[in-house]
């Protein structure tokens, strides 16, 4: 995920790489909360519809009715906050051959996108037995790179890095421990909001706090 600063509220927000790739040269200027307001008040402020529609607020039943593509087995995770930082949630669903084995979700009154993405992954690994051989999907490239590339090096250096503090250190440490406790699992990036059923389902769980109906 690429991060930007909202020109209205100053909060950091993320935009999926696949969305950015569709609009070369475009620099997002507003978070989700303020993009919709700007579209209504200022049609001159161009924000692609794909960004505005990232959070559809679909119920779980609506997701299942609308989407059918993507992998049919694995653990799918998502997390977000609206605005960022702000209230947020996380979601996890474990499916095998298209059937749900388990699902979890939670919310926090004040958090960030990255904290919720990390929390979702921690909860995903906690859901699995140590001997599980499952692909765990996340739409956060940052989380994948953090655990698969950077965290082991930070650990060897006493949890330090050259360019400043390690953000969300406690969550990173817990996720690394959970990842190591499940050596047969694979941690894999999946494109966000690309119509893949179980990624959309995880997103619906993560945003359940925004709706009256799960």
N, C-alpha and C. Protein backbone atom coordinates (compact mmCIF):
# COMPACT_ATOMS: atom_id res chain seq x y z
N UNK A 1 0.84 -1.19 0.00
CA UNK A 1 0.00 0.00 0.00
C UNK A 1 0.88 1.25 0.00
N UNK A 2 0.48 2.27 -0.75
CA UNK A 2 1.18 3.55 -0.75
C UNK A 2 0.43 4.53 0.13
N UNK A 3 1.17 5.33 0.91
CA UNK A 3 0.55 6.25 1.85
C UNK A 3 0.64 7.69 1.36
N UNK A 4 -0.40 8.48 1.65
CA UNK A 4 -0.48 9.88 1.27
C UNK A 4 -1.08 10.67 2.44
N UNK A 5 -0.96 11.99 2.39
CA UNK A 5 -1.54 12.85 3.41
C UNK A 5 -2.76 13.57 2.85
N UNK A 6 -3.86 13.50 3.57
CA UNK A 6 -5.08 14.18 3.15
C UNK A 6 -4.90 15.70 3.25
N UNK A 7 -5.24 16.42 2.21
CA UNK A 7 -5.09 17.86 2.20
C UNK A 7 -6.17 18.57 3.00
N UNK A 8 -7.18 17.82 3.44
CA UNK A 8 -8.23 18.41 4.26
C UNK A 8 -7.96 18.24 5.75
N UNK A 9 -7.72 16.98 6.17
CA UNK A 9 -7.57 16.72 7.61
C UNK A 9 -6.13 16.45 8.02
N UNK A 10 -5.23 16.25 7.05
CA UNK A 10 -3.83 16.01 7.36
C UNK A 10 -3.50 14.58 7.75
N UNK A 11 -4.50 13.70 7.78
CA UNK A 11 -4.27 12.31 8.17
C UNK A 11 -3.65 11.52 7.02
N UNK A 12 -2.83 10.53 7.39
CA UNK A 12 -2.27 9.63 6.38
C UNK A 12 -3.33 8.63 5.94
N UNK A 13 -3.33 8.29 4.65
CA UNK A 13 -4.25 7.27 4.15
C UNK A 13 -3.54 6.45 3.08
N UNK A 14 -4.02 5.23 2.88
CA UNK A 14 -3.39 4.30 1.95
C UNK A 14 -4.22 4.13 0.69
N UNK A 15 -3.55 3.93 -0.43
CA UNK A 15 -4.20 3.62 -1.70
C UNK A 15 -3.52 2.37 -2.26
N UNK A 16 -4.32 1.41 -2.67
CA UNK A 16 -3.80 0.14 -3.16
C UNK A 16 -2.97 0.34 -4.44
N UNK A 17 -1.90 -0.43 -4.61
CA UNK A 17 -1.05 -0.31 -5.81
C UNK A 17 -1.82 -0.51 -7.11
N UNK A 18 -2.80 -1.43 -7.10
CA UNK A 18 -3.54 -1.68 -8.34
C UNK A 18 -4.38 -0.49 -8.75
N UNK A 19 -4.85 0.29 -7.76
CA UNK A 19 -5.61 1.50 -8.07
C UNK A 19 -4.69 2.56 -8.65
N UNK A 20 -3.52 2.76 -8.04
CA UNK A 20 -2.56 3.74 -8.54
C UNK A 20 -2.11 3.40 -9.96
N UNK A 21 -1.96 2.11 -10.24
CA UNK A 21 -1.49 1.69 -11.55
C UNK A 21 -2.48 2.05 -12.66
N UNK A 22 -3.75 2.18 -12.30
CA UNK A 22 -4.78 2.50 -13.29
C UNK A 22 -4.74 3.98 -13.69
N UNK A 23 -4.09 4.82 -12.86
CA UNK A 23 -4.10 6.27 -13.11
C UNK A 23 -2.68 6.82 -13.02
N UNK A 24 -1.82 6.53 -14.00
CA UNK A 24 -0.42 7.00 -13.99
C UNK A 24 -0.34 8.52 -13.82
N UNK A 25 0.54 8.95 -12.93
CA UNK A 25 0.73 10.37 -12.70
C UNK A 25 -0.23 10.99 -11.71
N UNK A 26 -1.23 10.23 -11.26
CA UNK A 26 -2.21 10.76 -10.30
C UNK A 26 -1.67 10.68 -8.89
N UNK A 27 -1.79 11.77 -8.14
CA UNK A 27 -1.42 11.81 -6.73
C UNK A 27 -2.67 12.02 -5.90
N UNK A 28 -3.09 11.02 -5.13
CA UNK A 28 -4.30 11.16 -4.29
C UNK A 28 -4.13 12.31 -3.30
N UNK A 29 -5.18 13.10 -3.14
CA UNK A 29 -5.10 14.28 -2.28
C UNK A 29 -6.01 14.22 -1.06
N UNK A 30 -6.97 13.31 -1.05
CA UNK A 30 -7.94 13.28 0.04
C UNK A 30 -8.16 11.86 0.55
N UNK A 31 -8.33 11.72 1.86
CA UNK A 31 -8.67 10.43 2.45
C UNK A 31 -10.10 10.06 2.06
N UNK A 32 -10.50 8.82 2.34
CA UNK A 32 -11.83 8.37 1.95
C UNK A 32 -12.92 9.25 2.54
N UNK A 33 -12.74 9.65 3.81
CA UNK A 33 -13.78 10.42 4.47
C UNK A 33 -14.02 11.76 3.79
N UNK A 34 -12.94 12.37 3.24
CA UNK A 34 -13.09 13.69 2.65
C UNK A 34 -13.17 13.67 1.13
N UNK A 35 -12.80 12.54 0.51
CA UNK A 35 -12.89 12.47 -0.95
C UNK A 35 -14.34 12.60 -1.40
N UNK A 36 -15.24 11.90 -0.71
CA UNK A 36 -16.66 11.96 -1.09
C UNK A 36 -17.21 13.38 -0.93
N UNK A 37 -16.81 14.05 0.14
CA UNK A 37 -17.26 15.42 0.36
C UNK A 37 -16.75 16.35 -0.74
N UNK A 38 -15.50 16.14 -1.12
CA UNK A 38 -14.92 16.99 -2.15
C UNK A 38 -15.60 16.78 -3.50
N UNK A 39 -15.94 15.52 -3.80
CA UNK A 39 -16.62 15.25 -5.06
C UNK A 39 -17.97 15.96 -5.10
N UNK A 40 -18.66 15.95 -3.97
CA UNK A 40 -19.96 16.59 -3.93
C UNK A 40 -19.86 18.10 -4.01
N UNK A 41 -18.84 18.67 -3.36
CA UNK A 41 -18.73 20.13 -3.26
C UNK A 41 -17.88 20.72 -4.37
N UNK A 42 -16.91 19.92 -4.88
CA UNK A 42 -15.99 20.45 -5.87
C UNK A 42 -15.77 19.43 -6.97
N UNK A 43 -16.51 19.46 -8.00
CA UNK A 43 -16.32 18.52 -9.09
C UNK A 43 -14.97 18.72 -9.79
N UNK A 44 -14.35 19.87 -9.57
CA UNK A 44 -13.06 20.12 -10.18
C UNK A 44 -11.95 19.31 -9.53
N UNK A 45 -12.14 18.87 -8.31
CA UNK A 45 -11.13 18.08 -7.62
C UNK A 45 -11.29 16.64 -8.08
N UNK A 46 -10.46 16.20 -9.00
CA UNK A 46 -10.60 14.87 -9.61
C UNK A 46 -10.09 13.79 -8.67
N UNK A 47 -10.98 12.91 -8.26
CA UNK A 47 -10.62 11.72 -7.51
C UNK A 47 -11.27 10.54 -8.21
N UNK A 48 -10.51 9.56 -8.70
CA UNK A 48 -11.10 8.44 -9.43
C UNK A 48 -12.18 7.72 -8.63
N UNK A 49 -13.22 7.31 -9.32
CA UNK A 49 -14.33 6.61 -8.68
C UNK A 49 -13.86 5.35 -7.95
N UNK A 50 -12.82 4.72 -8.48
CA UNK A 50 -12.33 3.49 -7.85
C UNK A 50 -11.92 3.72 -6.41
N UNK A 51 -11.38 4.92 -6.14
CA UNK A 51 -10.97 5.22 -4.77
C UNK A 51 -12.18 5.43 -3.89
N UNK A 52 -13.18 6.13 -4.40
CA UNK A 52 -14.38 6.40 -3.61
C UNK A 52 -15.13 5.13 -3.28
N UNK A 53 -15.03 4.13 -4.17
CA UNK A 53 -15.79 2.91 -3.99
C UNK A 53 -15.02 1.83 -3.24
N UNK A 54 -13.84 2.15 -2.75
CA UNK A 54 -13.04 1.13 -2.08
C UNK A 54 -13.78 0.53 -0.90
N UNK A 55 -14.50 1.34 -0.14
CA UNK A 55 -15.27 0.83 0.98
C UNK A 55 -16.75 0.83 0.60
N UNK A 56 -17.24 -0.32 0.19
CA UNK A 56 -18.62 -0.41 -0.26
C UNK A 56 -19.60 -0.57 0.90
N UNK A 57 -19.09 -0.96 2.07
CA UNK A 57 -19.92 -1.18 3.25
C UNK A 57 -20.97 -2.27 3.00
N UNK A 58 -20.59 -3.28 2.23
CA UNK A 58 -21.50 -4.39 1.99
C UNK A 58 -21.56 -5.29 3.21
N UNK A 59 -22.74 -5.86 3.46
CA UNK A 59 -22.86 -6.88 4.49
C UNK A 59 -22.19 -8.16 3.98
N UNK A 60 -22.01 -9.11 4.88
CA UNK A 60 -21.40 -10.38 4.48
C UNK A 60 -22.25 -11.08 3.42
N UNK A 61 -23.56 -11.07 3.61
CA UNK A 61 -24.45 -11.71 2.64
C UNK A 61 -24.36 -11.03 1.28
N UNK A 62 -24.25 -9.71 1.27
CA UNK A 62 -24.15 -8.98 0.02
C UNK A 62 -22.83 -9.28 -0.70
N UNK A 63 -21.76 -9.43 0.06
CA UNK A 63 -20.48 -9.80 -0.53
C UNK A 63 -20.58 -11.15 -1.23
N UNK A 64 -21.17 -12.13 -0.55
CA UNK A 64 -21.29 -13.47 -1.13
C UNK A 64 -22.17 -13.46 -2.37
N UNK A 65 -23.17 -12.60 -2.38
CA UNK A 65 -24.06 -12.52 -3.55
C UNK A 65 -23.40 -11.82 -4.72
N UNK A 66 -22.50 -10.90 -4.45
CA UNK A 66 -21.92 -10.07 -5.51
C UNK A 66 -20.64 -10.65 -6.10
N UNK A 67 -19.80 -11.29 -5.26
CA UNK A 67 -18.48 -11.71 -5.70
C UNK A 67 -18.33 -13.23 -5.72
N UNK A 68 -17.60 -13.74 -6.72
CA UNK A 68 -17.38 -15.19 -6.82
C UNK A 68 -15.95 -15.54 -7.22
N UNK A 69 -15.15 -14.56 -7.61
CA UNK A 69 -13.80 -14.82 -8.12
C UNK A 69 -12.79 -15.00 -7.00
N UNK A 70 -11.59 -15.40 -7.38
CA UNK A 70 -10.47 -15.49 -6.45
C UNK A 70 -10.28 -16.87 -5.85
N UNK A 71 -9.24 -17.03 -5.05
CA UNK A 71 -8.95 -18.32 -4.41
C UNK A 71 -10.13 -18.78 -3.56
N UNK A 72 -10.32 -20.10 -3.51
CA UNK A 72 -11.43 -20.65 -2.73
C UNK A 72 -10.98 -21.29 -1.42
N UNK A 73 -9.68 -21.29 -1.18
CA UNK A 73 -9.14 -21.83 0.08
C UNK A 73 -8.06 -20.90 0.60
N UNK A 74 -7.93 -20.85 1.92
CA UNK A 74 -6.92 -20.03 2.56
C UNK A 74 -7.51 -19.19 3.67
N UNK A 75 -6.66 -18.40 4.28
CA UNK A 75 -7.10 -17.44 5.30
C UNK A 75 -6.95 -16.05 4.71
N UNK A 76 -7.99 -15.25 4.82
CA UNK A 76 -8.01 -13.92 4.22
C UNK A 76 -8.18 -12.89 5.33
N UNK A 77 -7.38 -11.83 5.28
CA UNK A 77 -7.39 -10.83 6.34
C UNK A 77 -7.52 -9.43 5.77
N UNK A 78 -8.03 -8.53 6.59
CA UNK A 78 -8.07 -7.12 6.21
C UNK A 78 -8.19 -6.27 7.46
N UNK A 79 -7.74 -5.04 7.35
CA UNK A 79 -7.86 -4.10 8.44
C UNK A 79 -7.83 -2.68 7.91
N UNK A 80 -8.53 -1.77 8.58
CA UNK A 80 -8.55 -0.39 8.13
C UNK A 80 -9.05 0.52 9.23
N UNK A 81 -8.81 1.80 9.04
CA UNK A 81 -9.41 2.81 9.92
C UNK A 81 -9.94 3.93 9.05
N UNK A 82 -11.04 4.52 9.47
CA UNK A 82 -11.69 5.59 8.69
C UNK A 82 -12.14 6.70 9.64
N UNK A 83 -11.46 7.89 9.57
CA UNK A 83 -10.26 8.19 8.77
C UNK A 83 -9.03 7.51 9.38
N UNK A 84 -7.88 7.76 8.80
CA UNK A 84 -6.64 7.14 9.26
C UNK A 84 -5.68 8.22 9.74
N UNK A 85 -5.41 8.31 11.06
CA UNK A 85 -5.92 7.48 12.15
C UNK A 85 -7.36 7.82 12.52
N UNK A 86 -8.00 6.89 13.23
CA UNK A 86 -9.38 7.05 13.63
C UNK A 86 -9.94 5.72 14.06
N UNK A 87 -11.26 5.60 14.17
CA UNK A 87 -11.85 4.30 14.50
C UNK A 87 -11.60 3.31 13.37
N UNK A 88 -11.48 2.04 13.73
CA UNK A 88 -11.19 1.05 12.71
C UNK A 88 -11.53 -0.35 13.14
N UNK A 89 -11.23 -1.30 12.28
CA UNK A 89 -11.54 -2.68 12.58
C UNK A 89 -10.66 -3.63 11.79
N UNK A 90 -10.76 -4.90 12.13
CA UNK A 90 -10.01 -5.95 11.44
C UNK A 90 -10.93 -7.15 11.22
N UNK A 91 -10.60 -7.96 10.22
CA UNK A 91 -11.40 -9.13 9.93
C UNK A 91 -10.55 -10.27 9.41
N UNK A 92 -10.96 -11.50 9.74
CA UNK A 92 -10.27 -12.71 9.30
C UNK A 92 -11.31 -13.76 8.93
N UNK A 93 -11.12 -14.42 7.79
CA UNK A 93 -11.98 -15.55 7.44
C UNK A 93 -11.10 -16.68 6.90
N UNK A 94 -11.37 -17.89 7.39
CA UNK A 94 -10.64 -19.10 6.97
C UNK A 94 -11.61 -19.96 6.17
N UNK A 95 -11.25 -20.23 4.92
CA UNK A 95 -12.14 -21.01 4.05
C UNK A 95 -11.38 -22.19 3.45
N UNK A 96 -12.10 -23.25 3.21
CA UNK A 96 -11.55 -24.42 2.52
C UNK A 96 -12.58 -24.88 1.48
N UNK A 97 -12.13 -24.91 0.23
CA UNK A 97 -13.01 -25.29 -0.89
C UNK A 97 -14.30 -24.48 -0.89
N UNK A 98 -14.17 -23.20 -0.59
CA UNK A 98 -15.31 -22.30 -0.63
C UNK A 98 -16.21 -22.33 0.58
N UNK A 99 -15.88 -23.15 1.58
CA UNK A 99 -16.69 -23.24 2.79
C UNK A 99 -15.96 -22.57 3.96
N UNK A 100 -16.69 -21.77 4.72
CA UNK A 100 -16.09 -21.05 5.84
C UNK A 100 -15.83 -22.00 7.01
N UNK A 101 -14.59 -22.06 7.46
CA UNK A 101 -14.25 -22.84 8.64
C UNK A 101 -14.32 -22.00 9.91
N UNK A 102 -13.90 -20.73 9.81
CA UNK A 102 -13.93 -19.85 10.98
C UNK A 102 -13.83 -18.41 10.50
N UNK A 103 -14.35 -17.50 11.30
CA UNK A 103 -14.25 -16.06 10.99
C UNK A 103 -14.20 -15.28 12.30
N UNK A 104 -13.44 -14.20 12.28
CA UNK A 104 -13.33 -13.34 13.46
C UNK A 104 -13.26 -11.89 13.00
N UNK A 105 -13.68 -10.99 13.85
CA UNK A 105 -13.51 -9.57 13.57
C UNK A 105 -13.52 -8.79 14.87
N UNK A 106 -12.98 -7.58 14.82
CA UNK A 106 -12.93 -6.73 16.00
C UNK A 106 -12.81 -5.27 15.60
N UNK A 107 -12.91 -4.40 16.58
CA UNK A 107 -12.85 -2.96 16.31
C UNK A 107 -12.09 -2.25 17.41
N UNK A 108 -11.54 -1.07 17.07
CA UNK A 108 -10.84 -0.23 18.03
C UNK A 108 -11.30 1.21 17.81
N UNK A 109 -11.46 1.93 18.90
CA UNK A 109 -11.99 3.29 18.82
C UNK A 109 -11.01 4.27 18.18
N UNK A 110 -9.72 4.04 18.37
CA UNK A 110 -8.71 4.93 17.78
C UNK A 110 -7.51 4.09 17.37
N UNK A 111 -7.26 4.03 16.07
CA UNK A 111 -6.21 3.16 15.56
C UNK A 111 -5.72 3.68 14.21
N UNK A 112 -5.00 2.84 13.47
CA UNK A 112 -4.52 3.19 12.13
C UNK A 112 -4.72 2.00 11.21
N UNK A 113 -4.64 2.26 9.91
CA UNK A 113 -4.73 1.18 8.93
C UNK A 113 -3.71 0.09 9.20
N UNK A 114 -2.45 0.51 9.40
CA UNK A 114 -1.39 -0.47 9.56
C UNK A 114 -1.57 -1.30 10.83
N UNK A 115 -2.01 -0.69 11.91
CA UNK A 115 -2.24 -1.44 13.14
C UNK A 115 -3.33 -2.49 12.94
N UNK A 116 -4.36 -2.13 12.21
CA UNK A 116 -5.44 -3.07 11.98
C UNK A 116 -5.02 -4.19 11.02
N UNK A 117 -4.21 -3.87 10.01
CA UNK A 117 -3.70 -4.92 9.12
C UNK A 117 -2.83 -5.91 9.89
N UNK A 118 -1.96 -5.39 10.75
CA UNK A 118 -1.11 -6.26 11.56
C UNK A 118 -1.93 -7.11 12.52
N UNK A 119 -2.92 -6.48 13.16
CA UNK A 119 -3.78 -7.20 14.10
C UNK A 119 -4.53 -8.32 13.40
N UNK A 120 -5.04 -8.05 12.21
CA UNK A 120 -5.77 -9.07 11.46
C UNK A 120 -4.88 -10.28 11.18
N UNK A 121 -3.64 -10.04 10.82
CA UNK A 121 -2.72 -11.15 10.55
C UNK A 121 -2.38 -11.92 11.82
N UNK A 122 -2.18 -11.22 12.91
CA UNK A 122 -1.92 -11.90 14.19
C UNK A 122 -3.09 -12.82 14.53
N UNK A 123 -4.30 -12.31 14.40
CA UNK A 123 -5.48 -13.11 14.71
C UNK A 123 -5.63 -14.28 13.74
N UNK A 124 -5.21 -14.09 12.49
CA UNK A 124 -5.27 -15.17 11.52
C UNK A 124 -4.38 -16.33 11.93
N UNK A 125 -3.15 -16.04 12.29
CA UNK A 125 -2.24 -17.11 12.69
C UNK A 125 -2.67 -17.75 14.01
N UNK A 126 -3.23 -16.97 14.92
CA UNK A 126 -3.74 -17.53 16.16
C UNK A 126 -4.88 -18.51 15.91
N UNK A 127 -5.59 -18.28 14.83
CA UNK A 127 -6.72 -19.12 14.47
C UNK A 127 -6.28 -20.51 14.01
N UNK A 128 -5.05 -20.60 13.50
CA UNK A 128 -4.56 -21.83 12.87
C UNK A 128 -3.77 -22.70 13.85
N UNK A 129 -3.90 -24.01 13.73
CA UNK A 129 -3.02 -24.90 14.50
C UNK A 129 -1.59 -24.76 14.00
N UNK A 130 -0.63 -25.08 14.87
CA UNK A 130 0.78 -24.90 14.51
C UNK A 130 1.16 -25.69 13.27
N UNK A 131 0.54 -26.84 13.05
CA UNK A 131 0.90 -27.70 11.93
C UNK A 131 0.15 -27.35 10.64
N UNK A 132 -0.65 -26.32 10.66
CA UNK A 132 -1.45 -25.96 9.49
C UNK A 132 -0.56 -25.65 8.28
N UNK A 133 -1.04 -26.02 7.10
CA UNK A 133 -0.35 -25.72 5.85
C UNK A 133 -1.33 -24.95 4.96
N UNK A 134 -1.39 -23.65 5.20
CA UNK A 134 -2.41 -22.79 4.62
C UNK A 134 -1.76 -21.51 4.11
N UNK A 135 -2.31 -20.94 3.05
CA UNK A 135 -1.87 -19.62 2.59
C UNK A 135 -2.67 -18.55 3.31
N UNK A 136 -1.97 -17.63 3.95
CA UNK A 136 -2.60 -16.50 4.64
C UNK A 136 -2.47 -15.28 3.74
N UNK A 137 -3.61 -14.70 3.36
CA UNK A 137 -3.63 -13.59 2.41
C UNK A 137 -3.84 -12.26 3.13
N UNK A 138 -3.11 -11.25 2.70
CA UNK A 138 -3.31 -9.88 3.16
C UNK A 138 -3.18 -8.95 1.98
N UNK A 139 -3.94 -7.86 1.95
CA UNK A 139 -3.79 -6.89 0.87
C UNK A 139 -2.83 -5.76 1.25
N UNK A 140 -2.06 -5.97 2.31
CA UNK A 140 -1.04 -5.00 2.73
C UNK A 140 0.35 -5.49 2.35
N UNK A 141 0.91 -4.92 1.31
CA UNK A 141 2.30 -5.27 0.95
C UNK A 141 3.25 -4.90 2.08
N UNK A 142 2.93 -3.82 2.79
CA UNK A 142 3.79 -3.39 3.88
C UNK A 142 3.92 -4.48 4.93
N UNK A 143 2.81 -5.12 5.27
CA UNK A 143 2.85 -6.19 6.28
C UNK A 143 3.67 -7.38 5.78
N UNK A 144 3.48 -7.75 4.52
CA UNK A 144 4.24 -8.87 3.97
C UNK A 144 5.73 -8.56 4.00
N UNK A 145 6.12 -7.39 3.50
CA UNK A 145 7.54 -7.03 3.48
C UNK A 145 8.11 -6.90 4.88
N UNK A 146 7.31 -6.36 5.80
CA UNK A 146 7.79 -6.20 7.17
C UNK A 146 8.16 -7.54 7.78
N UNK A 147 7.29 -8.53 7.64
CA UNK A 147 7.53 -9.83 8.28
C UNK A 147 8.49 -10.70 7.49
N UNK A 148 8.35 -10.71 6.17
CA UNK A 148 9.15 -11.62 5.36
C UNK A 148 10.55 -11.08 5.03
N UNK A 149 10.73 -9.74 5.06
CA UNK A 149 12.01 -9.16 4.66
C UNK A 149 12.73 -8.44 5.79
N UNK A 150 12.03 -7.55 6.49
CA UNK A 150 12.72 -6.60 7.35
C UNK A 150 12.81 -7.00 8.82
N UNK A 151 11.74 -7.55 9.37
CA UNK A 151 11.69 -7.80 10.82
C UNK A 151 12.82 -8.70 11.32
N UNK A 152 13.19 -9.77 10.62
CA UNK A 152 14.30 -10.59 11.13
C UNK A 152 15.60 -9.80 11.28
N UNK A 153 15.85 -8.88 10.34
CA UNK A 153 17.04 -8.04 10.44
C UNK A 153 16.96 -7.07 11.59
N UNK A 154 15.79 -6.47 11.79
CA UNK A 154 15.62 -5.57 12.94
C UNK A 154 15.85 -6.32 14.25
N UNK A 155 15.36 -7.55 14.29
CA UNK A 155 15.52 -8.37 15.50
C UNK A 155 17.00 -8.61 15.79
N UNK A 156 17.77 -8.96 14.77
CA UNK A 156 19.21 -9.21 14.94
C UNK A 156 19.94 -7.98 15.44
N UNK A 157 19.41 -6.81 15.12
CA UNK A 157 20.05 -5.56 15.53
C UNK A 157 19.45 -5.00 16.82
N UNK A 158 18.76 -5.84 17.57
CA UNK A 158 18.16 -5.38 18.82
C UNK A 158 16.90 -4.55 18.60
N UNK A 159 16.17 -4.89 17.54
CA UNK A 159 14.95 -4.18 17.17
C UNK A 159 15.22 -2.69 16.94
N UNK A 160 16.20 -2.47 16.08
CA UNK A 160 16.53 -1.12 15.63
C UNK A 160 16.65 -1.12 14.12
N UNK A 161 16.42 0.06 13.54
CA UNK A 161 16.68 0.24 12.12
C UNK A 161 17.34 1.58 11.90
N UNK A 162 17.97 1.75 10.75
CA UNK A 162 18.80 2.92 10.51
C UNK A 162 18.02 4.23 10.47
N UNK A 163 16.81 4.20 9.88
CA UNK A 163 16.12 5.46 9.59
C UNK A 163 15.04 5.81 10.60
N UNK A 164 15.19 5.38 11.85
CA UNK A 164 14.24 5.81 12.88
C UNK A 164 13.58 4.66 13.59
N UNK A 165 12.51 4.97 14.31
CA UNK A 165 11.83 3.96 15.11
C UNK A 165 11.07 2.96 14.25
N UNK A 166 10.84 1.80 14.81
CA UNK A 166 10.01 0.79 14.17
C UNK A 166 8.59 1.01 14.64
N UNK A 167 7.73 1.40 13.74
CA UNK A 167 6.35 1.69 14.11
C UNK A 167 5.61 0.40 14.45
N UNK A 168 4.73 0.50 15.43
CA UNK A 168 3.91 -0.64 15.85
C UNK A 168 4.77 -1.84 16.22
N UNK A 169 5.85 -1.56 16.96
CA UNK A 169 6.85 -2.58 17.26
C UNK A 169 6.25 -3.80 17.95
N UNK A 170 5.41 -3.61 18.95
CA UNK A 170 4.85 -4.74 19.69
C UNK A 170 4.04 -5.65 18.77
N UNK A 171 3.29 -5.05 17.84
CA UNK A 171 2.50 -5.84 16.90
C UNK A 171 3.40 -6.58 15.91
N UNK A 172 4.45 -5.91 15.46
CA UNK A 172 5.40 -6.55 14.55
C UNK A 172 6.06 -7.74 15.23
N UNK A 173 6.47 -7.57 16.47
CA UNK A 173 7.11 -8.67 17.19
C UNK A 173 6.16 -9.84 17.39
N UNK A 174 4.91 -9.56 17.72
CA UNK A 174 3.93 -10.63 17.91
C UNK A 174 3.63 -11.34 16.60
N UNK A 175 3.49 -10.59 15.53
CA UNK A 175 3.22 -11.20 14.24
C UNK A 175 4.39 -12.08 13.79
N UNK A 176 5.61 -11.61 13.99
CA UNK A 176 6.77 -12.41 13.62
C UNK A 176 6.78 -13.72 14.41
N UNK A 177 6.46 -13.65 15.70
CA UNK A 177 6.42 -14.86 16.52
C UNK A 177 5.35 -15.82 16.02
N UNK A 178 4.18 -15.28 15.68
CA UNK A 178 3.10 -16.12 15.18
C UNK A 178 3.45 -16.73 13.82
N UNK A 179 4.11 -15.95 12.98
CA UNK A 179 4.54 -16.45 11.67
C UNK A 179 5.50 -17.62 11.84
N UNK A 180 6.44 -17.49 12.75
CA UNK A 180 7.41 -18.56 12.98
C UNK A 180 6.78 -19.79 13.61
N UNK A 181 5.71 -19.59 14.36
CA UNK A 181 5.02 -20.72 14.99
C UNK A 181 4.22 -21.54 13.97
N UNK A 182 4.11 -21.02 12.75
CA UNK A 182 3.36 -21.69 11.68
C UNK A 182 4.26 -21.81 10.44
N UNK A 183 5.32 -22.60 10.53
CA UNK A 183 6.33 -22.64 9.45
C UNK A 183 5.82 -23.21 8.14
N UNK A 184 4.74 -23.97 8.16
CA UNK A 184 4.22 -24.55 6.93
C UNK A 184 3.27 -23.61 6.18
N UNK A 185 2.91 -22.53 6.81
CA UNK A 185 2.01 -21.56 6.17
C UNK A 185 2.77 -20.63 5.24
N UNK A 186 2.07 -20.05 4.31
CA UNK A 186 2.63 -19.06 3.39
C UNK A 186 1.91 -17.73 3.60
N UNK A 187 2.67 -16.66 3.69
CA UNK A 187 2.10 -15.31 3.80
C UNK A 187 2.17 -14.67 2.43
N UNK A 188 1.03 -14.27 1.90
CA UNK A 188 0.97 -13.84 0.50
C UNK A 188 0.11 -12.59 0.34
N UNK A 189 0.57 -11.67 -0.52
CA UNK A 189 -0.19 -10.46 -0.83
C UNK A 189 -1.29 -10.79 -1.82
N UNK A 190 -2.44 -10.14 -1.64
CA UNK A 190 -3.56 -10.25 -2.57
C UNK A 190 -4.06 -8.84 -2.87
N UNK A 191 -4.43 -8.58 -4.10
CA UNK A 191 -4.87 -7.24 -4.49
C UNK A 191 -6.16 -6.86 -3.77
N UNK A 192 -6.19 -5.64 -3.25
CA UNK A 192 -7.37 -5.16 -2.54
C UNK A 192 -8.45 -4.71 -3.51
N UNK A 193 -9.71 -4.92 -3.11
CA UNK A 193 -10.87 -4.40 -3.86
C UNK A 193 -10.79 -4.73 -5.34
N UNK A 194 -10.43 -5.97 -5.64
CA UNK A 194 -10.32 -6.41 -7.03
C UNK A 194 -11.36 -7.47 -7.35
N UNK A 195 -12.40 -7.57 -6.52
CA UNK A 195 -13.49 -8.49 -6.81
C UNK A 195 -13.26 -9.91 -6.37
N UNK A 196 -12.23 -10.17 -5.55
CA UNK A 196 -11.97 -11.52 -5.08
C UNK A 196 -12.80 -11.78 -3.82
N UNK A 197 -13.65 -12.77 -3.90
CA UNK A 197 -14.71 -12.97 -2.91
C UNK A 197 -14.22 -12.91 -1.46
N UNK A 198 -13.20 -13.67 -1.13
CA UNK A 198 -12.86 -13.80 0.29
C UNK A 198 -12.03 -12.63 0.81
N UNK A 199 -11.35 -11.93 -0.09
CA UNK A 199 -10.74 -10.66 0.32
C UNK A 199 -11.82 -9.63 0.61
N UNK A 200 -12.86 -9.60 -0.23
CA UNK A 200 -13.97 -8.69 0.00
C UNK A 200 -14.72 -9.07 1.29
N UNK A 201 -14.80 -10.34 1.57
CA UNK A 201 -15.47 -10.81 2.79
C UNK A 201 -14.69 -10.35 4.02
N UNK A 202 -13.37 -10.49 3.97
CA UNK A 202 -12.53 -10.01 5.08
C UNK A 202 -12.68 -8.50 5.26
N UNK A 203 -12.75 -7.78 4.14
CA UNK A 203 -12.97 -6.34 4.20
C UNK A 203 -14.31 -6.02 4.87
N UNK A 204 -15.34 -6.79 4.54
CA UNK A 204 -16.65 -6.58 5.15
C UNK A 204 -16.61 -6.82 6.65
N UNK A 205 -15.86 -7.84 7.07
CA UNK A 205 -15.69 -8.07 8.51
C UNK A 205 -14.96 -6.90 9.17
N UNK A 206 -13.92 -6.40 8.49
CA UNK A 206 -13.12 -5.32 9.06
C UNK A 206 -13.90 -4.01 9.18
N UNK A 207 -14.90 -3.83 8.33
CA UNK A 207 -15.69 -2.59 8.34
C UNK A 207 -17.07 -2.80 8.97
N UNK A 208 -17.28 -3.93 9.64
CA UNK A 208 -18.57 -4.23 10.23
C UNK A 208 -19.00 -3.18 11.25
N UNK A 209 -18.03 -2.57 11.90
CA UNK A 209 -18.33 -1.53 12.90
C UNK A 209 -19.02 -0.32 12.29
N UNK A 210 -18.94 -0.16 10.98
CA UNK A 210 -19.54 0.98 10.30
C UNK A 210 -21.00 0.73 9.93
N UNK A 211 -21.48 -0.52 10.14
CA UNK A 211 -22.82 -0.88 9.72
C UNK A 211 -23.63 -1.39 10.92
N UNK A 212 -24.95 -1.42 10.74
CA UNK A 212 -25.82 -1.98 11.76
C UNK A 212 -25.96 -3.49 11.60
N UNK A 213 -25.77 -3.99 10.37
CA UNK A 213 -25.93 -5.41 10.09
C UNK A 213 -24.60 -6.02 9.68
N UNK A 214 -24.26 -7.17 10.27
CA UNK A 214 -23.01 -7.83 9.93
C UNK A 214 -23.07 -8.37 8.51
